[in-house]
Amino acid sequence: MPKSLVYLRCKRSPEQLIKAKKSLGQNFLTDHRVAQRIVDAANPLRTDIVIEIGPGTGALTRLLVERSSVVEAIELDERLAVVLRRAVPATNLEIRVADALTIDWSDLISSARNKLEVPDRDKSRVRVIANLPYYISTPILEKLLSLRRSVFDMTLMLQKEVADRITEGPGGKEYGALSVIVQYQCVASKLFDVGPSAFTPAPKVHSAVVHLTVREQPPVEVRDEAQFFSVVRAAFAQRRKTILNNLKAAAAVSKFVRPLEEALEAASVSPQRRAETLTVGEFALLTKALCDQTA
């Protein structure tokens, strides 16, 4: 008998009926208190559009449909979508069987706006709330950042290591390229840690919830964001190397318009410093010195 029919005939919870797929990195959030803390932290309003990535067995979904007029849930696993539609039969919930990395986000957001029954619905905030699978959290985060002109903020459950990385400041041991790229585009803060016992099956690592508010304007001026991100990644290529040596390794494939030592001097960055000591602003100055012929 299909699992969806079994669910209709008994009182067992969805996570008891669906076996998590390791290939999809599934760890279902089952602690109601943690789910409530996440939704309370995000605090969606009736005028907001909520997009949930990976609703799983619906721990967050059940709470979100009570707080928002429109909830769009993107679920890759069709088994979960079938069960979730029965477990959370809310009229303001749309469950889309799709990959968050390849779905047409413009169409998704446009469709959600059309469902809102509020004045000035085109000005409604788009909020992303998700318990992201560990194995694909960074690609999804990068995808969301590419949509930042359409998204107001993100409340995300991530592997604690990734959460620490994106919220760490200069000089911290977790500060890296992802830290700079995220903090250039968002105001990032870690809200709280979550232990393995909050999930079924329990993961082997700890998790954390972060909140990313998309900046209306980046904190520094960057002429070419693609160049800026490329310089940042090159600078962090090998953490133990100085910034000069890392940039030397990237010079052959990068379009630097100045000699490295000259550019570093122009940006007031010592060649012996390591990338983890540079602020977002210093990376912006260095990118300008390396790549802008008018600098």
C-alpha atoms as a PDB file:
ATOM      1  CA  MET A   1       0.000   0.000   0.000  1.00  0.00           C
ATOM      2  CA  PRO A   2       1.433   3.467  -0.873  1.00  0.00           C
ATOM      3  CA  LYS A   3       2.820   5.371   2.099  1.00  0.00           C
ATOM      4  CA  SER A   4       0.487   8.297   1.394  1.00  0.00           C
ATOM      5  CA  LEU A   5      -2.551   5.998   1.866  1.00  0.00           C
ATOM      6  CA  VAL A   6      -1.057   4.501   5.007  1.00  0.00           C
ATOM      7  CA  TYR A   7      -0.752   8.009   6.423  1.00  0.00           C
ATOM      8  CA  LEU A   8      -4.432   8.695   5.797  1.00  0.00           C
ATOM      9  CA  ARG A   9      -5.453   5.584   7.749  1.00  0.00           C
ATOM     10  CA  CYS A  10      -3.362   6.075  10.852  1.00  0.00           C
ATOM     11  CA  LYS A  11      -2.085   8.721  13.216  1.00  0.00           C
ATOM     12  CA  ARG A  12       1.585   8.169  12.617  1.00  0.00           C
ATOM     13  CA  SER A  13       3.569  11.285  11.772  1.00  0.00           C
ATOM     14  CA  PRO A  14       5.039  11.801   8.270  1.00  0.00           C
ATOM     15  CA  GLU A  15       8.606  11.320   9.504  1.00  0.00           C
ATOM     16  CA  GLN A  16       7.588   7.905  10.847  1.00  0.00           C
ATOM     17  CA  LEU A  17       6.273   6.921   7.427  1.00  0.00           C
ATOM     18  CA  ILE A  18       8.938   8.307   5.117  1.00  0.00           C
ATOM     19  CA  LYS A  19      12.459   6.942   5.203  1.00  0.00           C
ATOM     20  CA  ALA A  20      15.007   9.693   4.745  1.00  0.00           C
ATOM     21  CA  LYS A  21      17.111   9.473   1.606  1.00  0.00           C
ATOM     22  CA  LYS A  22      20.828   9.775   2.237  1.00  0.00           C
ATOM     23  CA  SER A  23      21.329  10.737  -1.399  1.00  0.00           C
ATOM     24  CA  LEU A  24      19.251  13.879  -0.783  1.00  0.00           C
ATOM     25  CA  GLY A  25      20.846  14.653   2.565  1.00  0.00           C
ATOM     26  CA  GLN A  26      17.501  14.409   4.336  1.00  0.00           C
ATOM     27  CA  ASN A  27      17.363  15.031   8.087  1.00  0.00           C
ATOM     28  CA  PHE A  28      13.807  15.896   9.064  1.00  0.00           C
ATOM     29  CA  LEU A  29      13.326  18.594  11.688  1.00  0.00           C
ATOM     30  CA  THR A  30      11.102  17.001  14.346  1.00  0.00           C
ATOM     31  CA  ASP A  31      11.603  19.246  17.389  1.00  0.00           C
ATOM     32  CA  HIS A  32       8.557  21.529  17.548  1.00  0.00           C
ATOM     33  CA  ARG A  33      10.308  23.955  19.889  1.00  0.00           C
ATOM     34  CA  VAL A  34      13.121  24.520  17.389  1.00  0.00           C
ATOM     35  CA  ALA A  35      10.617  24.949  14.546  1.00  0.00           C
ATOM     36  CA  GLN A  36       8.719  27.509  16.621  1.00  0.00           C
ATOM     37  CA  ARG A  37      11.925  29.424  17.402  1.00  0.00           C
ATOM     38  CA  ILE A  38      12.806  29.597  13.711  1.00  0.00           C
ATOM     39  CA  VAL A  39       9.387  30.886  12.677  1.00  0.00           C
ATOM     40  CA  ASP A  40       9.272  33.347  15.573  1.00  0.00           C
ATOM     41  CA  ALA A  41      12.719  34.647  14.572  1.00  0.00           C
ATOM     42  CA  ALA A  42      11.641  35.110  10.960  1.00  0.00           C
ATOM     43  CA  ASN A  43       8.313  36.615  12.101  1.00  0.00           C
ATOM     44  CA  PRO A  44       6.480  36.445   8.748  1.00  0.00           C
ATOM     45  CA  LEU A  45       3.560  38.822   8.319  1.00  0.00           C
ATOM     46  CA  ARG A  46       0.295  38.382   6.444  1.00  0.00           C
ATOM     47  CA  THR A  47       1.582  40.739   3.770  1.00  0.00           C
ATOM     48  CA  ASP A  48       4.736  38.657   3.213  1.00  0.00           C
ATOM     49  CA  ILE A  49       5.396  35.930   0.672  1.00  0.00           C
ATOM     50  CA  VAL A  50       7.164  32.993   2.312  1.00  0.00           C
ATOM     51  CA  ILE A  51       9.211  30.579   0.224  1.00  0.00           C
ATOM     52  CA  GLU A  52      10.260  27.430   2.045  1.00  0.00           C
ATOM     53  CA  ILE A  53      12.991  25.272   0.559  1.00  0.00           C
ATOM     54  CA  GLY A  54      12.883  21.602   1.507  1.00  0.00           C
ATOM     55  CA  PRO A  55       9.767  21.467   3.724  1.00  0.00           C
ATOM     56  CA  GLY A  56      10.422  17.784   4.437  1.00  0.00           C
ATOM     57  CA  THR A  57       7.746  16.476   6.771  1.00  0.00           C
ATOM     58  CA  GLY A  58       6.317  19.932   7.436  1.00  0.00           C
ATOM     59  CA  ALA A  59       7.602  20.989  10.873  1.00  0.00           C
ATOM     60  CA  LEU A  60       8.081  24.567   9.666  1.00  0.00           C
ATOM     61  CA  THR A  61       5.327  24.458   7.063  1.00  0.00           C
ATOM     62  CA  ARG A  62       2.558  23.899   9.626  1.00  0.00           C
ATOM     63  CA  LEU A  63       3.593  27.061  11.452  1.00  0.00           C
ATOM     64  CA  LEU A  64       4.238  29.156   8.359  1.00  0.00           C
ATOM     65  CA  VAL A  65       0.765  28.668   6.879  1.00  0.00           C
ATOM     66  CA  GLU A  66      -0.683  30.087  10.112  1.00  0.00           C
ATOM     67  CA  ARG A  67       1.431  33.236   9.909  1.00  0.00           C
ATOM     68  CA  SER A  68       1.536  34.118   6.202  1.00  0.00           C
ATOM     69  CA  SER A  69      -1.079  34.504   3.480  1.00  0.00           C
ATOM     70  CA  VAL A  70       1.051  32.760   0.841  1.00  0.00           C
ATOM     71  CA  VAL A  71       3.549  29.946   1.381  1.00  0.00           C
ATOM     72  CA  GLU A  72       5.389  28.436  -1.585  1.00  0.00           C
ATOM     73  CA  ALA A  73       7.237  25.232  -0.682  1.00  0.00           C
ATOM     74  CA  ILE A  74       9.893  23.768  -2.988  1.00  0.00           C
ATOM     75  CA  GLU A  75      10.375  20.040  -2.405  1.00  0.00           C
ATOM     76  CA  LEU A  76      12.629  17.861  -4.549  1.00  0.00           C
ATOM     77  CA  ASP A  77      11.326  14.547  -3.169  1.00  0.00           C
ATOM     78  CA  GLU A  78       7.928  13.710  -4.664  1.00  0.00           C
ATOM     79  CA  ARG A  79       7.220  11.210  -1.853  1.00  0.00           C
ATOM     80  CA  LEU A  80       7.350  14.019   0.683  1.00  0.00           C
ATOM     81  CA  ALA A  81       5.241  16.321  -1.468  1.00  0.00           C
ATOM     82  CA  VAL A  82       2.470  13.700  -1.644  1.00  0.00           C
ATOM     83  CA  VAL A  83       2.405  13.145   2.115  1.00  0.00           C
ATOM     84  CA  LEU A  84       2.807  16.836   2.950  1.00  0.00           C
ATOM     85  CA  ARG A  85      -0.190  17.845   0.842  1.00  0.00           C
ATOM     86  CA  ARG A  86      -2.311  15.574   3.031  1.00  0.00           C
ATOM     87  CA  ALA A  87      -0.599  16.441   6.296  1.00  0.00           C
ATOM     88  CA  VAL A  88      -0.890  20.222   5.776  1.00  0.00           C
ATOM     89  CA  PRO A  89      -4.101  20.772   3.741  1.00  0.00           C
ATOM     90  CA  ALA A  90      -3.867  24.565   3.855  1.00  0.00           C
ATOM     91  CA  THR A  91      -5.402  26.637   1.059  1.00  0.00           C
ATOM     92  CA  ASN A  92      -2.567  29.159   1.266  1.00  0.00           C
ATOM     93  CA  LEU A  93       0.115  26.501   0.650  1.00  0.00           C
ATOM     94  CA  GLU A  94       1.514  25.566  -2.752  1.00  0.00           C
ATOM     95  CA  ILE A  95       3.936  22.625  -2.828  1.00  0.00           C
ATOM     96  CA  ARG A  96       6.112  22.506  -5.931  1.00  0.00           C
ATOM     97  CA  VAL A  97       8.055  19.377  -6.787  1.00  0.00           C
ATOM     98  CA  ALA A  98      11.214  20.995  -8.093  1.00  0.00           C
ATOM     99  CA  ASP A  99      14.907  21.637  -7.534  1.00  0.00           C
ATOM    100  CA  ALA A 100      15.562  24.970  -5.809  1.00  0.00           C
ATOM    101  CA  LEU A 101      18.702  25.382  -7.928  1.00  0.00           C
ATOM    102  CA  THR A 102      16.907  25.129 -11.274  1.00  0.00           C
ATOM    103  CA  ILE A 103      13.350  26.298 -10.623  1.00  0.00           C
ATOM    104  CA  ASP A 104      12.286  29.520 -12.358  1.00  0.00           C
ATOM    105  CA  TRP A 105      12.383  31.865  -9.383  1.00  0.00           C
ATOM    106  CA  SER A 106      10.962  34.818 -11.317  1.00  0.00           C
ATOM    107  CA  ASP A 107       7.901  32.765 -12.220  1.00  0.00           C
ATOM    108  CA  LEU A 108       7.637  31.433  -8.667  1.00  0.00           C
ATOM    109  CA  ILE A 109       7.675  34.910  -7.123  1.00  0.00           C
ATOM    110  CA  SER A 110       5.314  36.334  -9.742  1.00  0.00           C
ATOM    111  CA  SER A 111       2.842  33.510  -9.147  1.00  0.00           C
ATOM    112  CA  ALA A 112       3.019  34.027  -5.393  1.00  0.00           C
ATOM    113  CA  ARG A 113       2.371  37.754  -5.718  1.00  0.00           C
ATOM    114  CA  ASN A 114      -0.740  37.084  -7.767  1.00  0.00           C
ATOM    115  CA  LYS A 115      -2.172  35.072  -4.865  1.00  0.00           C
ATOM    116  CA  LEU A 116      -1.805  37.902  -2.361  1.00  0.00           C
ATOM    117  CA  GLU A 117      -4.974  39.788  -1.520  1.00  0.00           C
ATOM    118  CA  VAL A 118      -3.337  42.917  -0.154  1.00  0.00           C
ATOM    119  CA  PRO A 119      -2.848  46.463  -1.471  1.00  0.00           C
ATOM    120  CA  ASP A 120       0.432  47.065  -3.322  1.00  0.00           C
ATOM    121  CA  ARG A 121       1.183  43.367  -3.516  1.00  0.00           C
ATOM    122  CA  ASP A 122       4.123  44.126  -5.828  1.00  0.00           C
ATOM    123  CA  LYS A 123       5.809  45.697  -2.800  1.00  0.00           C
ATOM    124  CA  SER A 124       5.277  42.682  -0.553  1.00  0.00           C
ATOM    125  CA  ARG A 125       8.424  41.212   0.959  1.00  0.00           C
ATOM    126  CA  VAL A 126       9.705  37.854  -0.246  1.00  0.00           C
ATOM    127  CA  ARG A 127      11.054  35.875   2.724  1.00  0.00           C
ATOM    128  CA  VAL A 128      12.995  32.616   2.383  1.00  0.00           C
ATOM    129  CA  ILE A 129      12.866  30.150   5.286  1.00  0.00           C
ATOM    130  CA  ALA A 130      14.592  26.797   5.000  1.00  0.00           C
ATOM    131  CA  ASN A 131      16.215  23.838   6.680  1.00  0.00           C
ATOM    132  CA  LEU A 132      18.827  23.295   3.982  1.00  0.00           C
ATOM    133  CA  PRO A 133      20.399  19.887   3.257  1.00  0.00           C
ATOM    134  CA  TYR A 134      24.043  20.077   4.299  1.00  0.00           C
ATOM    135  CA  TYR A 135      25.465  18.689   1.065  1.00  0.00           C
ATOM    136  CA  ILE A 136      23.939  21.419  -1.081  1.00  0.00           C
ATOM    137  CA  SER A 137      23.608  24.347   1.326  1.00  0.00           C
ATOM    138  CA  THR A 138      26.384  26.463  -0.203  1.00  0.00           C
ATOM    139  CA  PRO A 139      25.109  26.202  -3.825  1.00  0.00           C
ATOM    140  CA  ILE A 140      21.575  27.078  -2.667  1.00  0.00           C
ATOM    141  CA  LEU A 141      22.915  29.985  -0.619  1.00  0.00           C
ATOM    142  CA  GLU A 142      24.801  31.273  -3.661  1.00  0.00           C
ATOM    143  CA  LYS A 143      21.620  30.900  -5.729  1.00  0.00           C
ATOM    144  CA  LEU A 144      19.635  32.918  -3.199  1.00  0.00           C
ATOM    145  CA  LEU A 145      22.302  35.620  -3.151  1.00  0.00           C
ATOM    146  CA  SER A 146      22.019  35.891  -6.933  1.00  0.00           C
ATOM    147  CA  LEU A 147      18.306  36.645  -6.380  1.00  0.00           C
ATOM    148  CA  ARG A 148      18.911  39.258  -3.729  1.00  0.00           C
ATOM    149  CA  ARG A 149      17.153  42.041  -5.635  1.00  0.00           C
ATOM    150  CA  SER A 150      13.962  39.982  -5.386  1.00  0.00           C
ATOM    151  CA  VAL A 151      14.357  38.638  -1.834  1.00  0.00           C
ATOM    152  CA  PHE A 152      14.037  40.649   1.382  1.00  0.00           C
ATOM    153  CA  ASP A 153      15.685  38.216   3.797  1.00  0.00           C
ATOM    154  CA  MET A 154      16.524  34.584   4.556  1.00  0.00           C
ATOM    155  CA  THR A 155      16.257  32.562   7.738  1.00  0.00           C
ATOM    156  CA  LEU A 156      18.251  29.388   7.180  1.00  0.00           C
ATOM    157  CA  MET A 157      19.186  26.275   9.113  1.00  0.00           C
ATOM    158  CA  LEU A 158      22.696  25.267   8.080  1.00  0.00           C
ATOM    159  CA  GLN A 159      25.510  23.065   9.247  1.00  0.00           C
ATOM    160  CA  LYS A 160      27.069  24.960  12.173  1.00  0.00           C
ATOM    161  CA  GLU A 161      30.410  25.143  10.405  1.00  0.00           C
ATOM    162  CA  VAL A 162      28.836  26.930   7.428  1.00  0.00           C
ATOM    163  CA  ALA A 163      26.813  29.220   9.699  1.00  0.00           C
ATOM    164  CA  ASP A 164      29.976  30.192  11.581  1.00  0.00           C
ATOM    165  CA  ARG A 165      31.774  30.796   8.305  1.00  0.00           C
ATOM    166  CA  ILE A 166      29.231  33.208   6.846  1.00  0.00           C
ATOM    167  CA  THR A 167      28.826  35.221  10.047  1.00  0.00           C
ATOM    168  CA  GLU A 168      32.512  35.358  11.113  1.00  0.00           C
ATOM    169  CA  GLY A 169      34.338  38.680  11.028  1.00  0.00           C
ATOM    170  CA  PRO A 170      37.902  39.480   9.831  1.00  0.00           C
ATOM    171  CA  GLY A 171      40.582  37.698  11.827  1.00  0.00           C
ATOM    172  CA  GLY A 172      38.296  34.871  12.909  1.00  0.00           C
ATOM    173  CA  LYS A 173      39.339  31.317  12.209  1.00  0.00           C
ATOM    174  CA  GLU A 174      36.205  30.656  10.111  1.00  0.00           C
ATOM    175  CA  TYR A 175      36.421  33.899   8.121  1.00  0.00           C
ATOM    176  CA  GLY A 176      36.833  33.117   4.436  1.00  0.00           C
ATOM    177  CA  ALA A 177      35.661  33.870   0.916  1.00  0.00           C
ATOM    178  CA  LEU A 178      32.068  32.907   1.716  1.00  0.00           C
ATOM    179  CA  SER A 179      32.106  35.298   4.695  1.00  0.00           C
ATOM    180  CA  VAL A 180      33.145  38.219   2.499  1.00  0.00           C
ATOM    181  CA  ILE A 181      30.740  37.391  -0.333  1.00  0.00           C
ATOM    182  CA  VAL A 182      27.751  36.993   2.002  1.00  0.00           C
ATOM    183  CA  GLN A 183      28.536  40.033   4.142  1.00  0.00           C
ATOM    184  CA  TYR A 184      28.995  42.218   1.066  1.00  0.00           C
ATOM    185  CA  GLN A 185      25.413  41.407   0.080  1.00  0.00           C
ATOM    186  CA  CYS A 186      23.682  40.856   3.437  1.00  0.00           C
ATOM    187  CA  VAL A 187      23.690  41.736   7.101  1.00  0.00           C
ATOM    188  CA  ALA A 188      24.420  38.310   8.576  1.00  0.00           C
ATOM    189  CA  SER A 189      23.803  37.115  12.123  1.00  0.00           C
ATOM    190  CA  LYS A 190      23.746  33.719  13.810  1.00  0.00           C
ATOM    191  CA  LEU A 191      20.610  33.252  15.885  1.00  0.00           C
ATOM    192  CA  PHE A 192      21.101  29.967  17.759  1.00  0.00           C
ATOM    193  CA  ASP A 193      22.650  26.506  17.580  1.00  0.00           C
ATOM    194  CA  VAL A 194      20.634  23.309  17.118  1.00  0.00           C
ATOM    195  CA  GLY A 195      21.757  19.870  18.275  1.00  0.00           C
ATOM    196  CA  PRO A 196      21.441  16.612  16.324  1.00  0.00           C
ATOM    197  CA  SER A 197      18.561  15.385  18.504  1.00  0.00           C
ATOM    198  CA  ALA A 198      16.233  17.913  16.850  1.00  0.00           C
ATOM    199  CA  PHE A 199      16.272  15.825  13.655  1.00  0.00           C
ATOM    200  CA  THR A 200      15.227  12.399  12.417  1.00  0.00           C
ATOM    201  CA  PRO A 201      17.543  10.762  11.556  1.00  0.00           C
ATOM    202  CA  ALA A 202      19.999  12.609  13.772  1.00  0.00           C
ATOM    203  CA  PRO A 203      22.898  14.059  11.735  1.00  0.00           C
ATOM    204  CA  LYS A 204      26.502  13.589  12.840  1.00  0.00           C
ATOM    205  CA  VAL A 205      27.067  17.341  12.997  1.00  0.00           C
ATOM    206  CA  HIS A 206      25.514  20.291  14.790  1.00  0.00           C
ATOM    207  CA  SER A 207      23.388  22.892  13.049  1.00  0.00           C
ATOM    208  CA  ALA A 208      22.732  26.598  13.476  1.00  0.00           C
ATOM    209  CA  VAL A 209      20.107  29.078  12.341  1.00  0.00           C
ATOM    210  CA  VAL A 210      21.253  32.256  10.619  1.00  0.00           C
ATOM    211  CA  HIS A 211      19.395  35.354   9.513  1.00  0.00           C
ATOM    212  CA  LEU A 212      20.493  37.210   6.391  1.00  0.00           C
ATOM    213  CA  THR A 213      18.913  40.568   5.625  1.00  0.00           C
ATOM    214  CA  VAL A 214      19.641  41.618   2.061  1.00  0.00           C
ATOM    215  CA  ARG A 215      21.308  45.017   1.941  1.00  0.00           C
ATOM    216  CA  GLU A 216      19.611  47.736  -0.090  1.00  0.00           C
ATOM    217  CA  GLN A 217      23.112  48.863  -0.995  1.00  0.00           C
ATOM    218  CA  PRO A 218      26.418  47.033  -0.401  1.00  0.00           C
ATOM    219  CA  PRO A 219      28.590  48.581   2.323  1.00  0.00           C
ATOM    220  CA  VAL A 220      31.303  49.437  -0.215  1.00  0.00           C
ATOM    221  CA  GLU A 221      31.314  50.485  -3.846  1.00  0.00           C
ATOM    222  CA  VAL A 222      32.324  47.777  -6.302  1.00  0.00           C
ATOM    223  CA  ARG A 223      32.388  48.458 -10.020  1.00  0.00           C
ATOM    224  CA  ASP A 224      32.291  44.829 -11.170  1.00  0.00           C
ATOM    225  CA  GLU A 225      30.918  42.308  -8.669  1.00  0.00           C
ATOM    226  CA  ALA A 226      32.125  39.299 -10.656  1.00  0.00           C
ATOM    227  CA  GLN A 227      35.681  40.650 -10.523  1.00  0.00           C
ATOM    228  CA  PHE A 228      35.324  41.397  -6.817  1.00  0.00           C
ATOM    229  CA  PHE A 229      34.155  37.868  -6.012  1.00  0.00           C
ATOM    230  CA  SER A 230      36.940  36.428  -8.182  1.00  0.00           C
ATOM    231  CA  VAL A 231      39.629  38.404  -6.327  1.00  0.00           C
ATOM    232  CA  VAL A 232      38.175  37.371  -2.960  1.00  0.00           C
ATOM    233  CA  ARG A 233      38.184  33.679  -3.894  1.00  0.00           C
ATOM    234  CA  ALA A 234      41.715  33.921  -5.264  1.00  0.00           C
ATOM    235  CA  ALA A 235      42.952  35.610  -2.094  1.00  0.00           C
ATOM    236  CA  PHE A 236      41.617  32.737   0.022  1.00  0.00           C
ATOM    237  CA  ALA A 237      42.810  29.948  -2.284  1.00  0.00           C
ATOM    238  CA  GLN A 238      45.276  28.674   0.331  1.00  0.00           C
ATOM    239  CA  ARG A 239      44.765  30.077   3.808  1.00  0.00           C
ATOM    240  CA  ARG A 240      48.353  29.622   4.975  1.00  0.00           C
ATOM    241  CA  LYS A 241      49.786  31.603   2.097  1.00  0.00           C
ATOM    242  CA  THR A 242      50.171  35.366   2.073  1.00  0.00           C
ATOM    243  CA  ILE A 243      47.792  37.368  -0.033  1.00  0.00           C
ATOM    244  CA  LEU A 244      50.645  38.161  -2.438  1.00  0.00           C
ATOM    245  CA  ASN A 245      51.398  34.490  -3.068  1.00  0.00           C
ATOM    246  CA  ASN A 246      47.749  33.580  -3.529  1.00  0.00           C
ATOM    247  CA  LEU A 247      47.260  36.398  -6.025  1.00  0.00           C
ATOM    248  CA  LYS A 248      50.426  35.370  -7.887  1.00  0.00           C
ATOM    249  CA  ALA A 249      48.902  31.927  -8.396  1.00  0.00           C
ATOM    250  CA  ALA A 250      45.764  33.529  -9.849  1.00  0.00           C
ATOM    251  CA  ALA A 251      47.496  36.175 -11.970  1.00  0.00           C
ATOM    252  CA  ALA A 252      47.848  33.966 -15.046  1.00  0.00           C
ATOM    253  CA  VAL A 253      44.087  33.600 -15.465  1.00  0.00           C
ATOM    254  CA  SER A 254      42.992  36.925 -13.975  1.00  0.00           C
ATOM    255  CA  LYS A 255      42.690  40.230 -15.792  1.00  0.00           C
ATOM    256  CA  PHE A 256      44.834  42.283 -13.449  1.00  0.00           C
ATOM    257  CA  VAL A 257      45.826  45.620 -14.970  1.00  0.00           C
ATOM    258  CA  ARG A 258      48.582  46.429 -12.461  1.00  0.00           C
ATOM    259  CA  PRO A 259      51.577  44.571 -11.053  1.00  0.00           C
ATOM    260  CA  LEU A 260      50.572  42.854  -7.810  1.00  0.00           C
ATOM    261  CA  GLU A 261      52.985  44.698  -5.516  1.00  0.00           C
ATOM    262  CA  GLU A 262      51.917  48.046  -6.954  1.00  0.00           C
ATOM    263  CA  ALA A 263      48.212  47.222  -6.554  1.00  0.00           C
ATOM    264  CA  LEU A 264      48.694  46.064  -2.971  1.00  0.00           C
ATOM    265  CA  GLU A 265      50.535  49.278  -2.139  1.00  0.00           C
ATOM    266  CA  ALA A 266      47.800  51.364  -3.769  1.00  0.00           C
ATOM    267  CA  ALA A 267      45.202  49.573  -1.634  1.00  0.00           C
ATOM    268  CA  SER A 268      47.351  49.989   1.511  1.00  0.00           C
ATOM    269  CA  VAL A 269      47.501  46.212   1.979  1.00  0.00           C
ATOM    270  CA  SER A 270      50.790  44.656   3.095  1.00  0.00           C
ATOM    271  CA  PRO A 271      51.900  41.808   0.771  1.00  0.00           C
ATOM    272  CA  GLN A 272      52.610  39.683   3.857  1.00  0.00           C
ATOM    273  CA  ARG A 273      49.082  39.821   5.213  1.00  0.00           C
ATOM    274  CA  ARG A 274      46.776  36.831   4.878  1.00  0.00           C
ATOM    275  CA  ALA A 275      43.352  37.126   3.330  1.00  0.00           C
ATOM    276  CA  GLU A 276      41.510  36.379   6.587  1.00  0.00           C
ATOM    277  CA  THR A 277      42.735  39.714   8.023  1.00  0.00           C
ATOM    278  CA  LEU A 278      41.183  41.868   5.284  1.00  0.00           C
ATOM    279  CA  THR A 279      37.822  43.578   5.692  1.00  0.00           C
ATOM    280  CA  VAL A 280      35.169  43.721   2.981  1.00  0.00           C
ATOM    281  CA  GLY A 281      36.204  47.326   2.357  1.00  0.00           C
ATOM    282  CA  GLU A 282      39.869  46.397   1.918  1.00  0.00           C
ATOM    283  CA  PHE A 283      38.919  43.709  -0.590  1.00  0.00           C
ATOM    284  CA  ALA A 284      36.948  46.327  -2.527  1.00  0.00           C
ATOM    285  CA  LEU A 285      39.954  48.673  -2.608  1.00  0.00           C
ATOM    286  CA  LEU A 286      42.255  45.832  -3.637  1.00  0.00           C
ATOM    287  CA  THR A 287      39.927  44.767  -6.459  1.00  0.00           C
ATOM    288  CA  LYS A 288      39.812  48.329  -7.740  1.00  0.00           C
ATOM    289  CA  ALA A 289      43.615  48.592  -7.638  1.00  0.00           C
ATOM    290  CA  LEU A 290      44.053  45.260  -9.443  1.00  0.00           C
ATOM    291  CA  CYS A 291      41.322  45.493 -12.057  1.00  0.00           C
ATOM    292  CA  ASP A 292      40.334  49.110 -12.689  1.00  0.00           C
ATOM    293  CA  GLN A 293      42.501  50.880 -15.237  1.00  0.00           C
ATOM    294  CA  THR A 294      41.266  54.267 -14.038  1.00  0.00           C
ATOM    295  CA  ALA A 295      42.313  53.659 -10.426  1.00  0.00           C
END
